[in-house]
PDB file of all heavy atoms in Angstrom:
ATOM      1  N   ALA A   1     -49.066 -28.635  87.419  1.00  0.00           N
ATOM      2  CA  ALA A   1     -48.054 -29.250  88.381  1.00  0.00           C
ATOM      3  C   ALA A   1     -48.646 -30.240  89.226  1.00  0.00           C
ATOM      4  O   ALA A   1     -48.027 -31.272  89.569  1.00  0.00           O
ATOM      5  CB  ALA A   1     -47.347 -28.010  89.206  1.00  0.00           C
ATOM      6  N   ILE A   2     -49.889 -29.977  89.707  1.00  0.00           N
ATOM      7  CA  ILE A   2     -50.588 -30.925  90.593  1.00  0.00           C
ATOM      8  C   ILE A   2     -50.809 -32.196  89.747  1.00  0.00           C
ATOM      9  O   ILE A   2     -50.660 -33.333  90.280  1.00  0.00           O
ATOM     10  CB  ILE A   2     -51.883 -30.390  91.080  1.00  0.00           C
ATOM     11  CG1 ILE A   2     -51.692 -29.256  92.133  1.00  0.00           C
ATOM     12  CG2 ILE A   2     -52.841 -31.433  91.728  1.00  0.00           C
ATOM     13  CD1 ILE A   2     -52.859 -28.468  92.546  1.00  0.00           C
ATOM     14  N   CYS A   3     -51.365 -32.027  88.487  1.00  0.00           N
ATOM     15  CA  CYS A   3     -51.622 -33.213  87.640  1.00  0.00           C
ATOM     16  C   CYS A   3     -50.352 -34.082  87.456  1.00  0.00           C
ATOM     17  O   CYS A   3     -50.431 -35.248  87.701  1.00  0.00           O
ATOM     18  CB  CYS A   3     -52.179 -32.728  86.355  1.00  0.00           C
ATOM     19  SG  CYS A   3     -52.411 -34.034  85.123  1.00  0.00           S
ATOM     20  N   SER A   4     -49.355 -33.434  87.016  1.00  0.00           N
ATOM     21  CA  SER A   4     -48.114 -34.167  86.698  1.00  0.00           C
ATOM     22  C   SER A   4     -47.438 -34.667  87.974  1.00  0.00           C
ATOM     23  O   SER A   4     -46.823 -35.807  87.934  1.00  0.00           O
ATOM     24  CB  SER A   4     -47.059 -33.302  85.899  1.00  0.00           C
ATOM     25  OG  SER A   4     -46.743 -32.092  86.690  1.00  0.00           O
ATOM     26  N   GLY A   5     -47.522 -34.059  89.066  1.00  0.00           N
ATOM     27  CA  GLY A   5     -46.817 -34.470  90.261  1.00  0.00           C
ATOM     28  C   GLY A   5     -47.418 -35.664  90.818  1.00  0.00           C
ATOM     29  O   GLY A   5     -46.782 -36.636  91.214  1.00  0.00           O
ATOM     30  N   ILE A   6     -48.811 -35.770  90.924  1.00  0.00           N
ATOM     31  CA  ILE A   6     -49.439 -36.961  91.540  1.00  0.00           C
ATOM     32  C   ILE A   6     -49.380 -38.121  90.549  1.00  0.00           C
ATOM     33  O   ILE A   6     -49.215 -39.251  90.838  1.00  0.00           O
ATOM     34  CB  ILE A   6     -50.946 -36.623  91.767  1.00  0.00           C
ATOM     35  CG1 ILE A   6     -50.966 -35.519  93.000  1.00  0.00           C
ATOM     36  CG2 ILE A   6     -51.683 -37.836  92.270  1.00  0.00           C
ATOM     37  CD1 ILE A   6     -52.298 -35.264  93.380  1.00  0.00           C
ATOM     38  N   ALA A   7     -49.337 -37.767  89.199  1.00  0.00           N
ATOM     39  CA  ALA A   7     -49.171 -38.876  88.215  1.00  0.00           C
ATOM     40  C   ALA A   7     -47.802 -39.456  88.343  1.00  0.00           C
ATOM     41  O   ALA A   7     -47.633 -40.687  88.174  1.00  0.00           O
ATOM     42  CB  ALA A   7     -49.429 -38.293  86.800  1.00  0.00           C
ATOM     43  N   MET A   8     -46.813 -38.588  88.516  1.00  0.00           N
ATOM     44  CA  MET A   8     -45.385 -39.093  88.742  1.00  0.00           C
ATOM     45  C   MET A   8     -45.295 -39.956  90.036  1.00  0.00           C
ATOM     46  O   MET A   8     -44.653 -40.933  89.986  1.00  0.00           O
ATOM     47  CB  MET A   8     -44.461 -37.926  88.833  1.00  0.00           C
ATOM     48  CG  MET A   8     -42.939 -38.365  89.008  1.00  0.00           C
ATOM     49  SD  MET A   8     -42.405 -39.346  87.711  1.00  0.00           S
ATOM     50  CE  MET A   8     -42.371 -38.164  86.303  1.00  0.00           C
ATOM     51  N   LEU A   9     -46.060 -39.541  91.035  1.00  0.00           N
ATOM     52  CA  LEU A   9     -45.982 -40.409  92.259  1.00  0.00           C
ATOM     53  C   LEU A   9     -46.545 -41.752  91.979  1.00  0.00           C
ATOM     54  O   LEU A   9     -46.030 -42.798  92.552  1.00  0.00           O
ATOM     55  CB  LEU A   9     -46.877 -39.674  93.413  1.00  0.00           C
ATOM     56  CG  LEU A   9     -47.083 -40.498  94.676  1.00  0.00           C
ATOM     57  CD1 LEU A   9     -45.758 -40.688  95.385  1.00  0.00           C
ATOM     58  CD2 LEU A   9     -48.167 -39.676  95.555  1.00  0.00           C
ATOM     59  N   ALA A  10     -47.651 -41.836  91.214  1.00  0.00           N
ATOM     60  CA  ALA A  10     -48.187 -43.181  90.827  1.00  0.00           C
ATOM     61  C   ALA A  10     -47.191 -43.972  90.065  1.00  0.00           C
ATOM     62  O   ALA A  10     -46.990 -45.171  90.336  1.00  0.00           O
ATOM     63  CB  ALA A  10     -49.422 -43.012  89.981  1.00  0.00           C
ATOM     64  N   SER A  11     -46.432 -43.306  89.217  1.00  0.00           N
ATOM     65  CA  SER A  11     -45.502 -43.994  88.330  1.00  0.00           C
ATOM     66  C   SER A  11     -44.317 -44.458  89.170  1.00  0.00           C
ATOM     67  O   SER A  11     -43.796 -45.656  88.906  1.00  0.00           O
ATOM     68  CB  SER A  11     -44.889 -43.018  87.210  1.00  0.00           C
ATOM     69  OG  SER A  11     -43.899 -43.574  86.472  1.00  0.00           O
ATOM     70  N   LEU A  12     -43.847 -43.733  90.212  1.00  0.00           N
ATOM     71  CA  LEU A  12     -42.793 -44.180  91.071  1.00  0.00           C
ATOM     72  C   LEU A  12     -43.176 -45.340  91.917  1.00  0.00           C
ATOM     73  O   LEU A  12     -42.248 -46.169  92.266  1.00  0.00           O
ATOM     74  CB  LEU A  12     -42.329 -43.078  91.958  1.00  0.00           C
ATOM     75  CG  LEU A  12     -41.702 -41.814  91.336  1.00  0.00           C
ATOM     76  CD1 LEU A  12     -41.469 -40.629  92.387  1.00  0.00           C
ATOM     77  CD2 LEU A  12     -40.394 -42.195  90.663  1.00  0.00           C
ATOM     78  N   LEU A  13     -44.421 -45.551  92.132  1.00  0.00           N
ATOM     79  CA  LEU A  13     -44.982 -46.713  92.885  1.00  0.00           C
ATOM     80  C   LEU A  13     -45.243 -47.929  91.956  1.00  0.00           C
ATOM     81  O   LEU A  13     -45.811 -48.882  92.387  1.00  0.00           O
ATOM     82  CB  LEU A  13     -46.143 -46.351  93.635  1.00  0.00           C
ATOM     83  CG  LEU A  13     -45.884 -45.430  94.886  1.00  0.00           C
ATOM     84  CD1 LEU A  13     -47.188 -45.016  95.570  1.00  0.00           C
ATOM     85  CD2 LEU A  13     -44.993 -46.126  95.913  1.00  0.00           C
ATOM     86  N   GLY A  14     -44.912 -47.717  90.657  1.00  0.00           N
ATOM     87  CA  GLY A  14     -45.126 -48.838  89.673  1.00  0.00           C
ATOM     88  C   GLY A  14     -46.616 -48.951  89.247  1.00  0.00           C
ATOM     89  O   GLY A  14     -47.061 -49.953  88.723  1.00  0.00           O
ATOM     90  N   LEU A  15     -47.366 -47.882  89.427  1.00  0.00           N
ATOM     91  CA  LEU A  15     -48.824 -47.830  88.949  1.00  0.00           C
ATOM     92  C   LEU A  15     -48.888 -47.030  87.695  1.00  0.00           C
ATOM     93  O   LEU A  15     -48.000 -46.436  87.213  1.00  0.00           O
ATOM     94  CB  LEU A  15     -49.696 -47.178  90.232  1.00  0.00           C
ATOM     95  CG  LEU A  15     -49.650 -47.968  91.394  1.00  0.00           C
ATOM     96  CD1 LEU A  15     -50.374 -47.252  92.479  1.00  0.00           C
ATOM     97  CD2 LEU A  15     -50.196 -49.368  91.298  1.00  0.00           C
ATOM     98  N   SER A  16     -50.128 -47.020  87.161  1.00  0.00           N
ATOM     99  CA  SER A  16     -50.377 -46.239  85.872  1.00  0.00           C
ATOM    100  C   SER A  16     -50.359 -44.797  86.190  1.00  0.00           C
ATOM    101  O   SER A  16     -50.981 -44.216  87.102  1.00  0.00           O
ATOM    102  CB  SER A  16     -51.666 -46.686  85.339  1.00  0.00           C
ATOM    103  OG  SER A  16     -52.179 -45.912  84.321  1.00  0.00           O
ATOM    104  N   ILE A  17     -49.748 -44.024  85.288  1.00  0.00           N
ATOM    105  CA  ILE A  17     -49.776 -42.560  85.378  1.00  0.00           C
ATOM    106  C   ILE A  17     -51.181 -42.023  85.079  1.00  0.00           C
ATOM    107  O   ILE A  17     -51.563 -40.973  85.581  1.00  0.00           O
ATOM    108  CB  ILE A  17     -48.739 -41.866  84.441  1.00  0.00           C
ATOM    109  CG1 ILE A  17     -48.950 -42.376  82.993  1.00  0.00           C
ATOM    110  CG2 ILE A  17     -47.360 -42.259  84.855  1.00  0.00           C
ATOM    111  CD1 ILE A  17     -48.035 -41.730  82.050  1.00  0.00           C
ATOM    112  N   GLU A  18     -51.954 -42.768  84.337  1.00  0.00           N
ATOM    113  CA  GLU A  18     -53.359 -42.384  84.091  1.00  0.00           C
ATOM    114  C   GLU A  18     -54.107 -42.441  85.360  1.00  0.00           C
ATOM    115  O   GLU A  18     -54.950 -41.500  85.606  1.00  0.00           O
ATOM    116  CB  GLU A  18     -54.043 -43.281  82.973  1.00  0.00           C
ATOM    117  CG  GLU A  18     -53.444 -43.128  81.618  1.00  0.00           C
ATOM    118  CD  GLU A  18     -52.162 -43.991  81.392  1.00  0.00           C
ATOM    119  OE1 GLU A  18     -51.732 -44.648  82.384  1.00  0.00           O
ATOM    120  OE2 GLU A  18     -51.627 -43.975  80.313  1.00  0.00           O
ATOM    121  N   LEU A  19     -53.927 -43.435  86.124  1.00  0.00           N
ATOM    122  CA  LEU A  19     -54.589 -43.515  87.389  1.00  0.00           C
ATOM    123  C   LEU A  19     -54.236 -42.333  88.356  1.00  0.00           C
ATOM    124  O   LEU A  19     -55.009 -41.753  88.991  1.00  0.00           O
ATOM    125  CB  LEU A  19     -54.266 -44.812  88.144  1.00  0.00           C
ATOM    126  CG  LEU A  19     -54.799 -44.959  89.608  1.00  0.00           C
ATOM    127  CD1 LEU A  19     -56.256 -45.014  89.648  1.00  0.00           C
ATOM    128  CD2 LEU A  19     -54.208 -46.266  90.195  1.00  0.00           C
ATOM    129  N   GLY A  20     -52.977 -41.990  88.287  1.00  0.00           N
ATOM    130  CA  GLY A  20     -52.481 -40.876  89.038  1.00  0.00           C
ATOM    131  C   GLY A  20     -53.099 -39.549  88.585  1.00  0.00           C
ATOM    132  O   GLY A  20     -53.504 -38.762  89.411  1.00  0.00           O
ATOM    133  N   ALA A  21     -53.214 -39.368  87.228  1.00  0.00           N
ATOM    134  CA  ALA A  21     -53.762 -38.097  86.887  1.00  0.00           C
ATOM    135  C   ALA A  21     -55.258 -37.987  87.154  1.00  0.00           C
ATOM    136  O   ALA A  21     -55.780 -36.905  87.656  1.00  0.00           O
ATOM    137  CB  ALA A  21     -53.614 -38.050  85.281  1.00  0.00           C
ATOM    138  N   PHE A  22     -56.000 -39.205  87.051  1.00  0.00           N
ATOM    139  CA  PHE A  22     -57.391 -39.111  87.410  1.00  0.00           C
ATOM    140  C   PHE A  22     -57.634 -38.913  88.932  1.00  0.00           C
ATOM    141  O   PHE A  22     -58.470 -38.177  89.262  1.00  0.00           O
ATOM    142  CB  PHE A  22     -58.035 -40.441  87.025  1.00  0.00           C
ATOM    143  CG  PHE A  22     -59.469 -40.576  87.519  1.00  0.00           C
ATOM    144  CD1 PHE A  22     -60.544 -40.006  86.779  1.00  0.00           C
ATOM    145  CD2 PHE A  22     -59.777 -41.346  88.635  1.00  0.00           C
ATOM    146  CE1 PHE A  22     -61.814 -40.082  87.175  1.00  0.00           C
ATOM    147  CE2 PHE A  22     -61.102 -41.440  89.099  1.00  0.00           C
ATOM    148  CZ  PHE A  22     -62.149 -40.827  88.301  1.00  0.00           C
ATOM    149  N   THR A  23     -56.745 -39.512  89.753  1.00  0.00           N
ATOM    150  CA  THR A  23     -56.800 -39.295  91.192  1.00  0.00           C
ATOM    151  C   THR A  23     -56.574 -37.832  91.566  1.00  0.00           C
ATOM    152  O   THR A  23     -57.179 -37.272  92.354  1.00  0.00           O
ATOM    153  CB  THR A  23     -55.809 -40.180  91.832  1.00  0.00           C
ATOM    154  OG1 THR A  23     -56.087 -41.550  91.521  1.00  0.00           O
ATOM    155  CG2 THR A  23     -55.949 -40.058  93.417  1.00  0.00           C
ATOM    156  N   ALA A  24     -55.580 -37.302  90.801  1.00  0.00           N
ATOM    157  CA  ALA A  24     -55.273 -35.824  91.036  1.00  0.00           C
ATOM    158  C   ALA A  24     -56.508 -34.915  90.696  1.00  0.00           C
ATOM    159  O   ALA A  24     -56.899 -34.022  91.431  1.00  0.00           O
ATOM    160  CB  ALA A  24     -54.109 -35.312  90.159  1.00  0.00           C
ATOM    161  N   GLY A  25     -57.141 -35.197  89.644  1.00  0.00           N
ATOM    162  CA  GLY A  25     -58.380 -34.409  89.253  1.00  0.00           C
ATOM    163  C   GLY A  25     -59.428 -34.647  90.212  1.00  0.00           C
ATOM    164  O   GLY A  25     -60.159 -33.711  90.598  1.00  0.00           O
ATOM    165  N   LEU A  26     -59.628 -35.847  90.829  1.00  0.00           N
ATOM    166  CA  LEU A  26     -60.650 -36.245  91.715  1.00  0.00           C
ATOM    167  C   LEU A  26     -60.472 -35.454  93.054  1.00  0.00           C
ATOM    168  O   LEU A  26     -61.458 -34.964  93.532  1.00  0.00           O
ATOM    169  CB  LEU A  26     -60.613 -37.694  91.921  1.00  0.00           C
ATOM    170  CG  LEU A  26     -61.808 -38.406  92.609  1.00  0.00           C
ATOM    171  CD1 LEU A  26     -63.102 -38.213  91.683  1.00  0.00           C
ATOM    172  CD2 LEU A  26     -61.607 -39.828  92.839  1.00  0.00           C
ATOM    173  N   PHE A  27     -59.268 -35.343  93.577  1.00  0.00           N
ATOM    174  CA  PHE A  27     -59.038 -34.644  94.760  1.00  0.00           C
ATOM    175  C   PHE A  27     -59.170 -33.170  94.602  1.00  0.00           C
ATOM    176  O   PHE A  27     -59.688 -32.413  95.495  1.00  0.00           O
ATOM    177  CB  PHE A  27     -57.644 -35.064  95.366  1.00  0.00           C
ATOM    178  CG  PHE A  27     -57.668 -36.342  96.039  1.00  0.00           C
ATOM    179  CD1 PHE A  27     -56.897 -37.485  95.552  1.00  0.00           C
ATOM    180  CD2 PHE A  27     -58.428 -36.603  97.224  1.00  0.00           C
ATOM    181  CE1 PHE A  27     -56.922 -38.679  96.156  1.00  0.00           C
ATOM    182  CE2 PHE A  27     -58.419 -37.891  97.758  1.00  0.00           C
ATOM    183  CZ  PHE A  27     -57.658 -38.876  97.251  1.00  0.00           C
ATOM    184  N   VAL A  28     -58.698 -32.669  93.466  1.00  0.00           N
ATOM    185  CA  VAL A  28     -58.867 -31.234  93.192  1.00  0.00           C
ATOM    186  C   VAL A  28     -60.275 -30.837  93.068  1.00  0.00           C
ATOM    187  O   VAL A  28     -60.696 -29.749  93.478  1.00  0.00           O
ATOM    188  CB  VAL A  28     -58.005 -30.804  91.916  1.00  0.00           C
ATOM    189  CG1 VAL A  28     -58.303 -29.394  91.474  1.00  0.00           C
ATOM    190  CG2 VAL A  28     -56.504 -30.975  92.176  1.00  0.00           C
ATOM    191  N   SER A  29     -61.176 -31.755  92.488  1.00  0.00           N
ATOM    192  CA  SER A  29     -62.552 -31.468  92.326  1.00  0.00           C
ATOM    193  C   SER A  29     -63.242 -31.196  93.634  1.00  0.00           C
ATOM    194  O   SER A  29     -64.292 -30.574  93.669  1.00  0.00           O
ATOM    195  CB  SER A  29     -63.239 -32.635  91.573  1.00  0.00           C
ATOM    196  OG  SER A  29     -63.295 -33.738  92.400  1.00  0.00           O
ATOM    197  N   GLY A  30     -62.688 -31.698  94.747  1.00  0.00           N
ATOM    198  CA  GLY A  30     -63.316 -31.516  96.041  1.00  0.00           C
ATOM    199  C   GLY A  30     -62.817 -30.216  96.834  1.00  0.00           C
ATOM    200  O   GLY A  30     -63.251 -30.030  97.912  1.00  0.00           O
ATOM    201  N   SER A  31     -61.953 -29.495  96.179  1.00  0.00           N
ATOM    202  CA  SER A  31     -61.370 -28.323  96.822  1.00  0.00           C
ATOM    203  C   SER A  31     -62.268 -27.166  96.700  1.00  0.00           C
ATOM    204  O   SER A  31     -63.209 -27.091  95.835  1.00  0.00           O
ATOM    205  CB  SER A  31     -59.972 -28.025  96.325  1.00  0.00           C
ATOM    206  OG  SER A  31     -60.077 -27.592  94.996  1.00  0.00           O
ATOM    207  N   TYR A  32     -61.940 -26.053  97.370  1.00  0.00           N
ATOM    208  CA  TYR A  32     -62.723 -24.752  97.267  1.00  0.00           C
ATOM    209  C   TYR A  32     -62.562 -24.091  95.970  1.00  0.00           C
ATOM    210  O   TYR A  32     -63.398 -23.417  95.378  1.00  0.00           O
ATOM    211  CB  TYR A  32     -62.156 -23.822  98.393  1.00  0.00           C
ATOM    212  CG  TYR A  32     -62.824 -22.475  98.359  1.00  0.00           C
ATOM    213  CD1 TYR A  32     -64.160 -22.288  98.888  1.00  0.00           C
ATOM    214  CD2 TYR A  32     -62.148 -21.450  97.781  1.00  0.00           C
ATOM    215  CE1 TYR A  32     -64.809 -21.023  98.773  1.00  0.00           C
ATOM    216  CE2 TYR A  32     -62.769 -20.107  97.811  1.00  0.00           C
ATOM    217  CZ  TYR A  32     -64.059 -19.952  98.340  1.00  0.00           C
ATOM    218  OH  TYR A  32     -64.617 -18.725  98.299  1.00  0.00           O
ATOM    219  N   TYR A  33     -61.390 -24.465  95.336  1.00  0.00           N
ATOM    220  CA  TYR A  33     -61.069 -23.674  94.012  1.00  0.00           C
ATOM    221  C   TYR A  33     -61.372 -24.588  92.780  1.00  0.00           C
ATOM    222  O   TYR A  33     -60.861 -24.447  91.708  1.00  0.00           O
ATOM    223  CB  TYR A  33     -59.671 -23.338  93.981  1.00  0.00           C
ATOM    224  CG  TYR A  33     -59.182 -22.290  94.961  1.00  0.00           C
ATOM    225  CD1 TYR A  33     -58.604 -22.708  96.217  1.00  0.00           C
ATOM    226  CD2 TYR A  33     -59.482 -20.914  94.806  1.00  0.00           C
ATOM    227  CE1 TYR A  33     -58.342 -21.796  97.200  1.00  0.00           C
ATOM    228  CE2 TYR A  33     -59.143 -19.967  95.771  1.00  0.00           C
ATOM    229  CZ  TYR A  33     -58.570 -20.427  96.957  1.00  0.00           C
ATOM    230  OH  TYR A  33     -58.258 -19.505  97.927  1.00  0.00           O
ATOM    231  N   SER A  34     -62.170 -25.620  92.959  1.00  0.00           N
ATOM    232  CA  SER A  34     -62.454 -26.609  91.911  1.00  0.00           C
ATOM    233  C   SER A  34     -63.083 -25.954  90.728  1.00  0.00           C
ATOM    234  O   SER A  34     -62.671 -26.314  89.541  1.00  0.00           O
ATOM    235  CB  SER A  34     -63.425 -27.731  92.419  1.00  0.00           C
ATOM    236  OG  SER A  34     -64.656 -27.219  92.887  1.00  0.00           O
ATOM    237  N   HIS A  35     -63.996 -25.031  90.890  1.00  0.00           N
ATOM    238  CA  HIS A  35     -64.661 -24.460  89.672  1.00  0.00           C
ATOM    239  C   HIS A  35     -63.570 -23.585  88.895  1.00  0.00           C
ATOM    240  O   HIS A  35     -63.607 -23.499  87.679  1.00  0.00           O
ATOM    241  CB  HIS A  35     -65.771 -23.511  90.128  1.00  0.00           C
ATOM    242  CG  HIS A  35     -66.906 -24.388  90.701  1.00  0.00           C
ATOM    243  ND1 HIS A  35     -67.674 -25.208  89.957  1.00  0.00           N
ATOM    244  CD2 HIS A  35     -67.431 -24.421  91.928  1.00  0.00           C
ATOM    245  CE1 HIS A  35     -68.636 -25.744  90.756  1.00  0.00           C
ATOM    246  NE2 HIS A  35     -68.480 -25.344  91.898  1.00  0.00           N
ATOM    247  N   ARG A  36     -62.749 -22.879  89.592  1.00  0.00           N
ATOM    248  CA  ARG A  36     -61.627 -22.057  88.944  1.00  0.00           C
ATOM    249  C   ARG A  36     -60.692 -23.004  88.164  1.00  0.00           C
ATOM    250  O   ARG A  36     -60.278 -22.723  87.085  1.00  0.00           O
ATOM    251  CB  ARG A  36     -60.927 -21.264  89.921  1.00  0.00           C
ATOM    252  CG  ARG A  36     -59.913 -20.367  89.285  1.00  0.00           C
ATOM    253  CD  ARG A  36     -59.317 -19.406  90.268  1.00  0.00           C
ATOM    254  NE  ARG A  36     -58.173 -18.639  89.611  1.00  0.00           N
ATOM    255  CZ  ARG A  36     -57.354 -17.782  90.265  1.00  0.00           C
ATOM    256  NH1 ARG A  36     -57.529 -17.641  91.523  1.00  0.00           N
ATOM    257  NH2 ARG A  36     -56.406 -17.185  89.622  1.00  0.00           N
ATOM    258  N   VAL A  37     -60.408 -24.136  88.852  1.00  0.00           N
ATOM    259  CA  VAL A  37     -59.475 -25.106  88.207  1.00  0.00           C
ATOM    260  C   VAL A  37     -60.074 -25.672  86.925  1.00  0.00           C
ATOM    261  O   VAL A  37     -59.473 -25.669  85.881  1.00  0.00           O
ATOM    262  CB  VAL A  37     -59.099 -26.197  89.153  1.00  0.00           C
ATOM    263  CG1 VAL A  37     -58.262 -27.348  88.372  1.00  0.00           C
ATOM    264  CG2 VAL A  37     -58.206 -25.769  90.347  1.00  0.00           C
ATOM    265  N   LEU A  38     -61.295 -25.995  86.972  1.00  0.00           N
ATOM    266  CA  LEU A  38     -62.094 -26.612  85.867  1.00  0.00           C
ATOM    267  C   LEU A  38     -62.148 -25.440  84.724  1.00  0.00           C
ATOM    268  O   LEU A  38     -62.012 -25.844  83.502  1.00  0.00           O
ATOM    269  CB  LEU A  38     -63.475 -26.911  86.352  1.00  0.00           C
ATOM    270  CG  LEU A  38     -64.271 -27.765  85.223  1.00  0.00           C
ATOM    271  CD1 LEU A  38     -63.572 -28.988  84.736  1.00  0.00           C
ATOM    272  CD2 LEU A  38     -65.627 -28.054  85.774  1.00  0.00           C
ATOM    273  N   SER A  39     -62.359 -24.264  85.076  1.00  0.00           N
ATOM    274  CA  SER A  39     -62.456 -23.199  84.093  1.00  0.00           C
ATOM    275  C   SER A  39     -61.086 -22.944  83.394  1.00  0.00           C
ATOM    276  O   SER A  39     -61.071 -22.576  82.161  1.00  0.00           O
ATOM    277  CB  SER A  39     -62.905 -21.848  84.718  1.00  0.00           C
ATOM    278  OG  SER A  39     -61.946 -21.371  85.609  1.00  0.00           O
ATOM    279  N   GLU A  40     -60.030 -23.255  84.059  1.00  0.00           N
ATOM    280  CA  GLU A  40     -58.674 -23.110  83.558  1.00  0.00           C
ATOM    281  C   GLU A  40     -58.345 -24.234  82.598  1.00  0.00           C
ATOM    282  O   GLU A  40     -57.778 -24.118  81.554  1.00  0.00           O
ATOM    283  CB  GLU A  40     -57.601 -22.988  84.630  1.00  0.00           C
ATOM    284  CG  GLU A  40     -57.657 -21.804  85.521  1.00  0.00           C
ATOM    285  CD  GLU A  40     -57.218 -20.572  84.803  1.00  0.00           C
ATOM    286  OE1 GLU A  40     -56.494 -20.704  83.815  1.00  0.00           O
ATOM    287  OE2 GLU A  40     -57.478 -19.462  85.210  1.00  0.00           O
ATOM    288  N   VAL A  41     -58.876 -25.448  82.875  1.00  0.00           N
ATOM    289  CA  VAL A  41     -58.635 -26.676  82.089  1.00  0.00           C
ATOM    290  C   VAL A  41     -59.519 -26.829  80.955  1.00  0.00           C
ATOM    291  O   VAL A  41     -59.079 -27.291  79.898  1.00  0.00           O
ATOM    292  CB  VAL A  41     -58.667 -27.823  83.020  1.00  0.00           C
ATOM    293  CG1 VAL A  41     -58.424 -29.159  82.191  1.00  0.00           C
ATOM    294  CG2 VAL A  41     -57.495 -27.793  84.127  1.00  0.00           C
TER     295      VAL A  41
END
């Protein structure tokens, strides 16, 4: 949901959804649960 939500935000602003998805992953990577998120993905 985080991935698709931020990607959709980028799309609504006329930007690339790929940029939105990468940005979502980038911000999640700095969170406390980053290792758990990575293990899920």
